[in-house]
All heavy atoms as atom14 arrays in JSON, in Angstrom:
{
  "sequence": "ALALARWTLIVTNAPVERLSAEEALLLFRARWQVELLFKLWKSHGHV",
  "atom14_mask": [
    [1, 1, 1, 1, 1, 0, 0, 0, 0, 0, 0, 0, 0, 0],
    [1, 1, 1, 1, 1, 1, 1, 1, 0, 0, 0, 0, 0, 0],
    [1, 1, 1, 1, 1, 0, 0, 0, 0, 0, 0, 0, 0, 0],
    [1, 1, 1, 1, 1, 1, 1, 1, 0, 0, 0, 0, 0, 0],
    [1, 1, 1, 1, 1, 0, 0, 0, 0, 0, 0, 0, 0, 0],
    [1, 1, 1, 1, 1, 1, 1, 1, 1, 1, 1, 0, 0, 0],
    [1, 1, 1, 1, 1, 1, 1, 1, 1, 1, 1, 1, 1, 1],
    [1, 1, 1, 1, 1, 1, 1, 0, 0, 0, 0, 0, 0, 0],
    [1, 1, 1, 1, 1, 1, 1, 1, 0, 0, 0, 0, 0, 0],
    [1, 1, 1, 1, 1, 1, 1, 1, 0, 0, 0, 0, 0, 0],
    [1, 1, 1, 1, 1, 1, 1, 0, 0, 0, 0, 0, 0, 0],
    [1, 1, 1, 1, 1, 1, 1, 0, 0, 0, 0, 0, 0, 0],
    [1, 1, 1, 1, 1, 1, 1, 1, 0, 0, 0, 0, 0, 0],
    [1, 1, 1, 1, 1, 0, 0, 0, 0, 0, 0, 0, 0, 0],
    [1, 1, 1, 1, 1, 1, 1, 0, 0, 0, 0, 0, 0, 0],
    [1, 1, 1, 1, 1, 1, 1, 0, 0, 0, 0, 0, 0, 0],
    [1, 1, 1, 1, 1, 1, 1, 1, 1, 0, 0, 0, 0, 0],
    [1, 1, 1, 1, 1, 1, 1, 1, 1, 1, 1, 0, 0, 0],
    [1, 1, 1, 1, 1, 1, 1, 1, 0, 0, 0, 0, 0, 0],
    [1, 1, 1, 1, 1, 1, 0, 0, 0, 0, 0, 0, 0, 0],
    [1, 1, 1, 1, 1, 0, 0, 0, 0, 0, 0, 0, 0, 0],
    [1, 1, 1, 1, 1, 1, 1, 1, 1, 0, 0, 0, 0, 0],
    [1, 1, 1, 1, 1, 1, 1, 1, 1, 0, 0, 0, 0, 0],
    [1, 1, 1, 1, 1, 0, 0, 0, 0, 0, 0, 0, 0, 0],
    [1, 1, 1, 1, 1, 1, 1, 1, 0, 0, 0, 0, 0, 0],
    [1, 1, 1, 1, 1, 1, 1, 1, 0, 0, 0, 0, 0, 0],
    [1, 1, 1, 1, 1, 1, 1, 1, 0, 0, 0, 0, 0, 0],
    [1, 1, 1, 1, 1, 1, 1, 1, 1, 1, 1, 0, 0, 0],
    [1, 1, 1, 1, 1, 1, 1, 1, 1, 1, 1, 0, 0, 0],
    [1, 1, 1, 1, 1, 0, 0, 0, 0, 0, 0, 0, 0, 0],
    [1, 1, 1, 1, 1, 1, 1, 1, 1, 1, 1, 0, 0, 0],
    [1, 1, 1, 1, 1, 1, 1, 1, 1, 1, 1, 1, 1, 1],
    [1, 1, 1, 1, 1, 1, 1, 1, 1, 0, 0, 0, 0, 0],
    [1, 1, 1, 1, 1, 1, 1, 0, 0, 0, 0, 0, 0, 0],
    [1, 1, 1, 1, 1, 1, 1, 1, 1, 0, 0, 0, 0, 0],
    [1, 1, 1, 1, 1, 1, 1, 1, 0, 0, 0, 0, 0, 0],
    [1, 1, 1, 1, 1, 1, 1, 1, 0, 0, 0, 0, 0, 0],
    [1, 1, 1, 1, 1, 1, 1, 1, 1, 1, 1, 0, 0, 0],
    [1, 1, 1, 1, 1, 1, 1, 1, 1, 0, 0, 0, 0, 0],
    [1, 1, 1, 1, 1, 1, 1, 1, 0, 0, 0, 0, 0, 0],
    [1, 1, 1, 1, 1, 1, 1, 1, 1, 1, 1, 1, 1, 1],
    [1, 1, 1, 1, 1, 1, 1, 1, 1, 0, 0, 0, 0, 0],
    [1, 1, 1, 1, 1, 1, 0, 0, 0, 0, 0, 0, 0, 0],
    [1, 1, 1, 1, 1, 1, 1, 1, 1, 1, 0, 0, 0, 0],
    [1, 1, 1, 1, 0, 0, 0, 0, 0, 0, 0, 0, 0, 0],
    [1, 1, 1, 1, 1, 1, 1, 1, 1, 1, 0, 0, 0, 0],
    [1, 1, 1, 1, 1, 1, 1, 0, 0, 0, 0, 0, 0, 0]
  ],
  "atom14_positions": [
    [[111.44, 115.43, 89.47], [110.76, 114.24, 90.03], [110.77, 113.12, 89.01], [110.97, 111.93, 89.37], [109.34, 114.61, 90.42], [0.0, 0.0, 0.0], [0.0, 0.0, 0.0], [0.0, 0.0, 0.0], [0.0, 0.0, 0.0], [0.0, 0.0, 0.0], [0.0, 0.0, 0.0], [0.0, 0.0, 0.0], [0.0, 0.0, 0.0], [0.0, 0.0, 0.0]],
    [[110.54, 113.41, 87.76], [110.56, 112.35, 86.72], [111.96, 111.76, 86.56], [112.13, 110.56, 86.31], [110.06, 112.93, 85.41], [108.61, 113.38, 85.4], [108.27, 114.04, 84.05], [107.65, 112.22, 85.6], [0.0, 0.0, 0.0], [0.0, 0.0, 0.0], [0.0, 0.0, 0.0], [0.0, 0.0, 0.0], [0.0, 0.0, 0.0], [0.0, 0.0, 0.0]],
    [[113.0, 112.63, 86.73], [114.35, 112.1, 86.6], [114.7, 111.18, 87.75], [115.43, 110.2, 87.57], [115.34, 113.26, 86.56], [0.0, 0.0, 0.0], [0.0, 0.0, 0.0], [0.0, 0.0, 0.0], [0.0, 0.0, 0.0], [0.0, 0.0, 0.0], [0.0, 0.0, 0.0], [0.0, 0.0, 0.0], [0.0, 0.0, 0.0], [0.0, 0.0, 0.0]],
    [[114.2, 111.43, 88.94], [114.49, 110.61, 90.13], [113.82, 109.25, 90.03], [114.13, 108.36, 90.82], [114.04, 111.32, 91.39], [114.94, 112.46, 91.9], [114.35, 113.14, 93.09], [116.35, 111.96, 92.18], [0.0, 0.0, 0.0], [0.0, 0.0, 0.0], [0.0, 0.0, 0.0], [0.0, 0.0, 0.0], [0.0, 0.0, 0.0], [0.0, 0.0, 0.0]],
    [[112.89, 109.11, 89.09], [112.25, 107.77, 88.89], [113.23, 106.71, 88.46], [112.98, 105.54, 88.51], [111.12, 107.88, 87.85], [0.0, 0.0, 0.0], [0.0, 0.0, 0.0], [0.0, 0.0, 0.0], [0.0, 0.0, 0.0], [0.0, 0.0, 0.0], [0.0, 0.0, 0.0], [0.0, 0.0, 0.0], [0.0, 0.0, 0.0], [0.0, 0.0, 0.0]],
    [[114.41, 107.17, 88.06], [115.46, 106.31, 87.63], [116.16, 105.61, 88.81], [116.93, 104.69, 88.66], [116.52, 107.16, 86.88], [117.72, 106.36, 86.36], [117.34, 105.41, 85.24], [118.52, 104.71, 84.71], [119.06, 103.61, 85.28], [118.52, 103.12, 86.37], [120.09, 103.02, 84.75], [0.0, 0.0, 0.0], [0.0, 0.0, 0.0], [0.0, 0.0, 0.0]],
    [[115.73, 106.03, 90.07], [116.43, 105.54, 91.23], [115.42, 105.02, 92.26], [114.34, 105.53, 92.4], [117.24, 106.64, 91.88], [118.28, 107.25, 90.99], [118.08, 108.24, 90.06], [119.63, 106.88, 90.85], [119.21, 108.54, 89.41], [120.21, 107.71, 89.88], [120.42, 105.93, 91.52], [121.54, 107.57, 89.51], [121.77, 105.82, 91.18], [122.29, 106.63, 90.18]],
    [[115.84, 103.98, 93.0], [115.15, 103.58, 94.24], [115.87, 104.32, 95.35], [117.06, 104.17, 95.56], [115.23, 102.06, 94.45], [114.45, 101.42, 93.44], [114.67, 101.67, 95.84], [0.0, 0.0, 0.0], [0.0, 0.0, 0.0], [0.0, 0.0, 0.0], [0.0, 0.0, 0.0], [0.0, 0.0, 0.0], [0.0, 0.0, 0.0], [0.0, 0.0, 0.0]],
    [[115.09, 105.13, 96.11], [115.67, 105.96, 97.13], [115.13, 105.59, 98.51], [113.93, 105.37, 98.66], [115.36, 107.47, 96.84], [115.92, 108.03, 95.53], [115.37, 109.43, 95.35], [117.46, 108.05, 95.57], [0.0, 0.0, 0.0], [0.0, 0.0, 0.0], [0.0, 0.0, 0.0], [0.0, 0.0, 0.0], [0.0, 0.0, 0.0], [0.0, 0.0, 0.0]],
    [[116.02, 105.48, 99.46], [115.68, 105.16, 100.84], [116.33, 106.2, 101.77], [117.54, 106.48, 101.61], [116.08, 103.74, 101.24], [115.39, 102.71, 100.36], [115.78, 103.49, 102.73], [115.86, 101.28, 100.62], [0.0, 0.0, 0.0], [0.0, 0.0, 0.0], [0.0, 0.0, 0.0], [0.0, 0.0, 0.0], [0.0, 0.0, 0.0], [0.0, 0.0, 0.0]],
    [[115.56, 106.74, 102.67], [116.11, 107.65, 103.7], [116.03, 106.97, 105.07], [114.96, 106.46, 105.41], [115.33, 108.97, 103.69], [115.9, 109.9, 104.82], [115.44, 109.7, 102.36], [0.0, 0.0, 0.0], [0.0, 0.0, 0.0], [0.0, 0.0, 0.0], [0.0, 0.0, 0.0], [0.0, 0.0, 0.0], [0.0, 0.0, 0.0], [0.0, 0.0, 0.0]],
    [[117.13, 106.92, 105.75], [117.16, 106.28, 107.09], [118.08, 107.04, 108.01], [119.07, 107.67, 107.52], [117.61, 104.8, 106.97], [117.67, 104.24, 108.29], [118.96, 104.72, 106.35], [0.0, 0.0, 0.0], [0.0, 0.0, 0.0], [0.0, 0.0, 0.0], [0.0, 0.0, 0.0], [0.0, 0.0, 0.0], [0.0, 0.0, 0.0], [0.0, 0.0, 0.0]],
    [[117.76, 107.01, 109.3], [118.68, 107.58, 110.28], [119.49, 106.48, 111.02], [120.16, 106.75, 111.98], [117.94, 108.47, 111.27], [116.92, 107.67, 112.1], [116.66, 106.51, 111.82], [116.33, 108.33, 113.12], [0.0, 0.0, 0.0], [0.0, 0.0, 0.0], [0.0, 0.0, 0.0], [0.0, 0.0, 0.0], [0.0, 0.0, 0.0], [0.0, 0.0, 0.0]],
    [[119.35, 105.22, 110.56], [120.13, 104.14, 111.12], [121.59, 104.28, 110.71], [121.86, 104.4, 109.49], [119.56, 102.84, 110.69], [0.0, 0.0, 0.0], [0.0, 0.0, 0.0], [0.0, 0.0, 0.0], [0.0, 0.0, 0.0], [0.0, 0.0, 0.0], [0.0, 0.0, 0.0], [0.0, 0.0, 0.0], [0.0, 0.0, 0.0], [0.0, 0.0, 0.0]],
    [[122.53, 104.25, 111.64], [123.93, 104.39, 111.26], [124.43, 103.18, 110.46], [123.86, 102.08, 110.56], [124.68, 104.48, 112.6], [123.72, 103.83, 113.57], [122.36, 104.1, 113.09], [0.0, 0.0, 0.0], [0.0, 0.0, 0.0], [0.0, 0.0, 0.0], [0.0, 0.0, 0.0], [0.0, 0.0, 0.0], [0.0, 0.0, 0.0], [0.0, 0.0, 0.0]],
    [[125.42, 103.38, 109.67], [125.9, 102.32, 108.75], [126.41, 101.12, 109.49], [126.32, 99.98, 109.01], [127.0, 102.91, 107.81], [128.24, 103.25, 108.6], [127.31, 101.92, 106.7], [0.0, 0.0, 0.0], [0.0, 0.0, 0.0], [0.0, 0.0, 0.0], [0.0, 0.0, 0.0], [0.0, 0.0, 0.0], [0.0, 0.0, 0.0], [0.0, 0.0, 0.0]],
    [[126.93, 101.3, 110.72], [127.45, 100.19, 111.45], [126.32, 99.27, 111.95], [126.54, 98.12, 112.35], [128.31, 100.63, 112.66], [127.65, 101.53, 113.62], [127.81, 102.99, 113.27], [128.19, 103.3, 112.08], [127.57, 103.86, 114.17], [0.0, 0.0, 0.0], [0.0, 0.0, 0.0], [0.0, 0.0, 0.0], [0.0, 0.0, 0.0], [0.0, 0.0, 0.0]],
    [[125.12, 99.79, 111.96], [123.93, 98.96, 112.39], [123.12, 98.49, 111.19], [122.43, 97.47, 111.33], [123.04, 99.81, 113.28], [123.66, 100.19, 114.63], [122.68, 100.75, 115.59], [121.62, 99.82, 115.9], [120.57, 100.08, 116.66], [120.41, 101.34, 117.16], [119.68, 99.18, 116.89], [0.0, 0.0, 0.0], [0.0, 0.0, 0.0], [0.0, 0.0, 0.0]],
    [[123.2, 99.18, 110.09], [122.41, 98.84, 108.89], [123.15, 99.23, 107.66], [123.29, 100.41, 107.35], [121.06, 99.53, 108.96], [120.06, 99.14, 107.86], [119.54, 97.74, 108.06], [118.88, 100.12, 107.82], [0.0, 0.0, 0.0], [0.0, 0.0, 0.0], [0.0, 0.0, 0.0], [0.0, 0.0, 0.0], [0.0, 0.0, 0.0], [0.0, 0.0, 0.0]],
    [[123.68, 98.21, 106.92], [124.39, 98.52, 105.71], [123.38, 98.95, 104.63], [122.19, 98.71, 104.76], [125.17, 97.29, 105.23], [124.3, 96.27, 104.82], [0.0, 0.0, 0.0], [0.0, 0.0, 0.0], [0.0, 0.0, 0.0], [0.0, 0.0, 0.0], [0.0, 0.0, 0.0], [0.0, 0.0, 0.0], [0.0, 0.0, 0.0], [0.0, 0.0, 0.0]],
    [[123.89, 99.52, 103.53], [123.01, 99.93, 102.45], [122.29, 98.72, 101.85], [121.11, 98.78, 101.51], [123.83, 100.65, 101.41], [0.0, 0.0, 0.0], [0.0, 0.0, 0.0], [0.0, 0.0, 0.0], [0.0, 0.0, 0.0], [0.0, 0.0, 0.0], [0.0, 0.0, 0.0], [0.0, 0.0, 0.0], [0.0, 0.0, 0.0], [0.0, 0.0, 0.0]],
    [[123.04, 97.63, 101.71], [122.41, 96.43, 101.12], [121.31, 95.86, 102.01], [120.25, 95.44, 101.55], [123.48, 95.35, 100.87], [124.48, 95.66, 99.8], [125.59, 96.57, 100.28], [125.56, 96.96, 101.49], [126.49, 96.89, 99.5], [0.0, 0.0, 0.0], [0.0, 0.0, 0.0], [0.0, 0.0, 0.0], [0.0, 0.0, 0.0], [0.0, 0.0, 0.0]],
    [[121.56, 95.89, 103.35], [120.54, 95.42, 104.28], [119.29, 96.32, 104.26], [118.16, 95.83, 104.33], [121.09, 95.37, 105.67], [122.14, 94.22, 105.87], [122.89, 94.33, 107.19], [122.97, 95.46, 107.74], [123.41, 93.32, 107.64], [0.0, 0.0, 0.0], [0.0, 0.0, 0.0], [0.0, 0.0, 0.0], [0.0, 0.0, 0.0], [0.0, 0.0, 0.0]],
    [[119.51, 97.63, 104.12], [118.39, 98.57, 104.06], [117.53, 98.29, 102.86], [116.28, 98.32, 102.91], [118.89, 99.99, 104.05], [0.0, 0.0, 0.0], [0.0, 0.0, 0.0], [0.0, 0.0, 0.0], [0.0, 0.0, 0.0], [0.0, 0.0, 0.0], [0.0, 0.0, 0.0], [0.0, 0.0, 0.0], [0.0, 0.0, 0.0], [0.0, 0.0, 0.0]],
    [[118.15, 98.02, 101.71], [117.39, 97.73, 100.47], [116.62, 96.44, 100.61], [115.48, 96.34, 100.13], [118.39, 97.64, 99.28], [118.99, 99.01, 98.9], [120.2, 98.79, 97.96], [117.95, 99.87, 98.14], [0.0, 0.0, 0.0], [0.0, 0.0, 0.0], [0.0, 0.0, 0.0], [0.0, 0.0, 0.0], [0.0, 0.0, 0.0], [0.0, 0.0, 0.0]],
    [[117.22, 95.43, 101.31], [116.52, 94.18, 101.45], [115.35, 94.32, 102.39], [114.24, 93.79, 102.14], [117.49, 93.1, 101.92], [116.98, 91.68, 101.96], [116.44, 91.27, 100.59], [118.06, 90.75, 102.41], [0.0, 0.0, 0.0], [0.0, 0.0, 0.0], [0.0, 0.0, 0.0], [0.0, 0.0, 0.0], [0.0, 0.0, 0.0], [0.0, 0.0, 0.0]],
    [[115.52, 95.06, 103.49], [114.47, 95.28, 104.45], [113.35, 96.13, 103.82], [112.14, 95.9, 104.16], [114.98, 95.97, 105.69], [115.85, 95.11, 106.61], [116.39, 95.94, 107.77], [115.02, 93.91, 107.18], [0.0, 0.0, 0.0], [0.0, 0.0, 0.0], [0.0, 0.0, 0.0], [0.0, 0.0, 0.0], [0.0, 0.0, 0.0], [0.0, 0.0, 0.0]],
    [[113.7, 97.02, 102.94], [112.71, 97.86, 102.29], [111.78, 96.94, 101.44], [110.57, 97.17, 101.41], [113.41, 98.86, 101.39], [112.49, 99.71, 100.55], [111.72, 100.7, 101.18], [112.33, 99.53, 99.18], [110.85, 101.5, 100.45], [111.48, 100.32, 98.46], [110.73, 101.3, 99.07], [0.0, 0.0, 0.0], [0.0, 0.0, 0.0], [0.0, 0.0, 0.0]],
    [[112.35, 95.94, 100.79], [111.53, 95.01, 100.03], [110.7, 94.15, 100.99], [109.54, 93.87, 100.71], [112.43, 94.13, 99.18], [111.64, 92.99, 98.47], [112.46, 92.25, 97.51], [111.68, 91.12, 96.96], [112.07, 90.4, 95.9], [113.21, 90.66, 95.28], [111.29, 89.37, 95.47], [0.0, 0.0, 0.0], [0.0, 0.0, 0.0], [0.0, 0.0, 0.0]],
    [[111.25, 93.74, 102.15], [110.55, 92.88, 103.1], [109.33, 93.56, 103.65], [108.38, 92.91, 104.08], [111.51, 92.43, 104.21], [0.0, 0.0, 0.0], [0.0, 0.0, 0.0], [0.0, 0.0, 0.0], [0.0, 0.0, 0.0], [0.0, 0.0, 0.0], [0.0, 0.0, 0.0], [0.0, 0.0, 0.0], [0.0, 0.0, 0.0], [0.0, 0.0, 0.0]],
    [[109.31, 94.94, 103.68], [108.11, 95.62, 104.16], [106.87, 95.27, 103.39], [105.76, 95.42, 103.92], [108.37, 97.13, 104.15], [109.36, 97.64, 105.16], [109.63, 99.13, 104.99], [108.42, 99.92, 105.35], [107.73, 100.59, 104.49], [108.03, 100.55, 103.2], [106.7, 101.28, 104.87], [0.0, 0.0, 0.0], [0.0, 0.0, 0.0], [0.0, 0.0, 0.0]],
    [[107.04, 94.86, 102.15], [105.9, 94.51, 101.31], [105.09, 93.35, 101.91], [103.91, 93.2, 101.68], [106.35, 94.19, 99.91], [105.28, 93.71, 99.0], [105.16, 92.48, 98.41], [104.12, 94.41, 98.58], [104.03, 92.42, 97.62], [103.36, 93.63, 97.75], [103.64, 95.7, 98.87], [102.16, 94.02, 97.14], [102.42, 96.13, 98.29], [101.71, 95.28, 97.44]],
    [[105.78, 92.46, 102.7], [105.09, 91.34, 103.28], [103.99, 91.79, 104.26], [102.96, 91.15, 104.39], [106.07, 90.44, 104.03], [107.21, 89.93, 103.18], [106.72, 89.22, 101.93], [105.87, 88.36, 102.0], [107.3, 89.54, 100.78], [0.0, 0.0, 0.0], [0.0, 0.0, 0.0], [0.0, 0.0, 0.0], [0.0, 0.0, 0.0], [0.0, 0.0, 0.0]],
    [[104.21, 92.96, 104.93], [103.16, 93.5, 105.78], [101.93, 93.9, 104.93], [100.77, 93.65, 105.33], [103.68, 94.7, 106.57], [102.59, 95.29, 107.44], [104.89, 94.3, 107.41], [0.0, 0.0, 0.0], [0.0, 0.0, 0.0], [0.0, 0.0, 0.0], [0.0, 0.0, 0.0], [0.0, 0.0, 0.0], [0.0, 0.0, 0.0], [0.0, 0.0, 0.0]],
    [[102.19, 94.52, 103.75], [101.13, 94.91, 102.89], [100.34, 93.68, 102.4], [99.13, 93.75, 102.21], [101.69, 95.7, 101.7], [102.39, 97.0, 102.08], [101.45, 97.99, 102.72], [100.24, 97.96, 102.42], [101.97, 98.76, 103.56], [0.0, 0.0, 0.0], [0.0, 0.0, 0.0], [0.0, 0.0, 0.0], [0.0, 0.0, 0.0], [0.0, 0.0, 0.0]],
    [[101.09, 92.58, 102.15], [100.4, 91.35, 101.7], [99.48, 90.81, 102.74], [98.43, 90.22, 102.4], [101.47, 90.32, 101.37], [102.3, 90.57, 100.09], [103.3, 89.43, 99.88], [101.41, 90.68, 98.86], [0.0, 0.0, 0.0], [0.0, 0.0, 0.0], [0.0, 0.0, 0.0], [0.0, 0.0, 0.0], [0.0, 0.0, 0.0], [0.0, 0.0, 0.0]],
    [[99.79, 90.99, 104.02], [98.9, 90.56, 105.08], [97.58, 91.31, 105.02], [96.48, 90.71, 105.05], [99.53, 90.7, 106.43], [98.64, 90.38, 107.62], [98.23, 88.9, 107.59], [99.36, 90.67, 108.96], [0.0, 0.0, 0.0], [0.0, 0.0, 0.0], [0.0, 0.0, 0.0], [0.0, 0.0, 0.0], [0.0, 0.0, 0.0], [0.0, 0.0, 0.0]],
    [[97.62, 92.63, 104.92], [96.43, 93.43, 104.81], [95.68, 93.12, 103.51], [94.43, 93.14, 103.46], [96.79, 94.9, 104.88], [97.18, 95.35, 106.27], [98.47, 95.73, 106.51], [96.26, 95.36, 107.29], [98.86, 96.12, 107.76], [96.68, 95.73, 108.56], [97.98, 96.11, 108.79], [0.0, 0.0, 0.0], [0.0, 0.0, 0.0], [0.0, 0.0, 0.0]],
    [[96.41, 92.83, 102.44], [95.77, 92.44, 101.18], [95.02, 91.16, 101.33], [93.89, 90.97, 100.82], [96.83, 92.3, 100.06], [96.28, 91.94, 98.7], [97.39, 91.81, 97.66], [96.77, 91.42, 96.31], [97.88, 91.28, 95.32], [0.0, 0.0, 0.0], [0.0, 0.0, 0.0], [0.0, 0.0, 0.0], [0.0, 0.0, 0.0], [0.0, 0.0, 0.0]],
    [[95.63, 90.23, 102.08], [94.95, 88.94, 102.36], [93.64, 89.14, 103.14], [92.64, 88.57, 102.82], [95.9, 88.05, 103.16], [95.33, 86.7, 103.66], [94.99, 85.82, 102.44], [96.35, 85.97, 104.58], [0.0, 0.0, 0.0], [0.0, 0.0, 0.0], [0.0, 0.0, 0.0], [0.0, 0.0, 0.0], [0.0, 0.0, 0.0], [0.0, 0.0, 0.0]],
    [[93.7, 90.03, 104.14], [92.52, 90.31, 104.94], [91.43, 90.95, 104.1], [90.23, 90.7, 104.32], [92.87, 91.15, 106.12], [93.64, 90.43, 107.19], [94.11, 89.18, 107.11], [93.99, 90.92, 108.49], [94.79, 88.83, 108.27], [94.74, 89.9, 109.13], [93.79, 92.11, 109.14], [95.2, 90.02, 110.45], [94.29, 92.26, 110.45], [94.99, 91.25, 111.08]],
    [[91.82, 91.78, 103.17], [90.81, 92.49, 102.36], [90.27, 91.59, 101.28], [89.01, 91.53, 101.09], [91.45, 93.73, 101.69], [91.73, 94.87, 102.64], [92.34, 96.06, 101.88], [92.59, 97.21, 102.86], [93.23, 98.37, 102.12], [0.0, 0.0, 0.0], [0.0, 0.0, 0.0], [0.0, 0.0, 0.0], [0.0, 0.0, 0.0], [0.0, 0.0, 0.0]],
    [[91.09, 90.8, 100.61], [90.58, 90.0, 99.48], [89.92, 88.72, 99.97], [89.0, 88.23, 99.31], [91.79, 89.63, 98.57], [92.78, 88.88, 99.28], [0.0, 0.0, 0.0], [0.0, 0.0, 0.0], [0.0, 0.0, 0.0], [0.0, 0.0, 0.0], [0.0, 0.0, 0.0], [0.0, 0.0, 0.0], [0.0, 0.0, 0.0], [0.0, 0.0, 0.0]],
    [[90.37, 88.19, 101.11], [89.75, 86.94, 101.61], [88.64, 87.26, 102.66], [87.61, 86.58, 102.63], [90.79, 86.05, 102.24], [91.65, 85.31, 101.23], [91.98, 83.98, 101.38], [92.22, 85.73, 100.11], [92.71, 83.61, 100.33], [92.85, 84.65, 99.58], [0.0, 0.0, 0.0], [0.0, 0.0, 0.0], [0.0, 0.0, 0.0], [0.0, 0.0, 0.0]],
    [[88.88, 88.17, 103.5], [87.95, 88.41, 104.59], [86.99, 89.59, 104.3], [86.0, 89.76, 105.01], [0.0, 0.0, 0.0], [0.0, 0.0, 0.0], [0.0, 0.0, 0.0], [0.0, 0.0, 0.0], [0.0, 0.0, 0.0], [0.0, 0.0, 0.0], [0.0, 0.0, 0.0], [0.0, 0.0, 0.0], [0.0, 0.0, 0.0], [0.0, 0.0, 0.0]],
    [[87.3, 90.36, 103.23], [86.41, 91.49, 102.85], [86.18, 92.39, 104.03], [85.04, 92.89, 104.22], [85.11, 90.99, 102.27], [85.27, 90.03, 101.12], [85.68, 90.48, 99.85], [85.15, 88.69, 101.04], [85.73, 89.4, 99.06], [85.46, 88.34, 99.75], [0.0, 0.0, 0.0], [0.0, 0.0, 0.0], [0.0, 0.0, 0.0], [0.0, 0.0, 0.0]],
    [[87.23, 92.66, 104.82], [87.05, 93.51, 106.02], [86.76, 94.97, 105.69], [86.33, 95.73, 106.56], [88.28, 93.43, 106.94], [88.49, 92.01, 107.49], [89.54, 93.88, 106.22], [0.0, 0.0, 0.0], [0.0, 0.0, 0.0], [0.0, 0.0, 0.0], [0.0, 0.0, 0.0], [0.0, 0.0, 0.0], [0.0, 0.0, 0.0], [0.0, 0.0, 0.0]]
  ]
}
């Protein structure tokens, strides 16, 4: 497990013709924007 920390790993069942490896990595980063929305609600709205 410590050795795998050397890698960013993504598992997907989307075929390569629909989602390239580069696109998957970029979308993986974009998922953080959803987390930022909830962070905004917690830090600003104290929900």
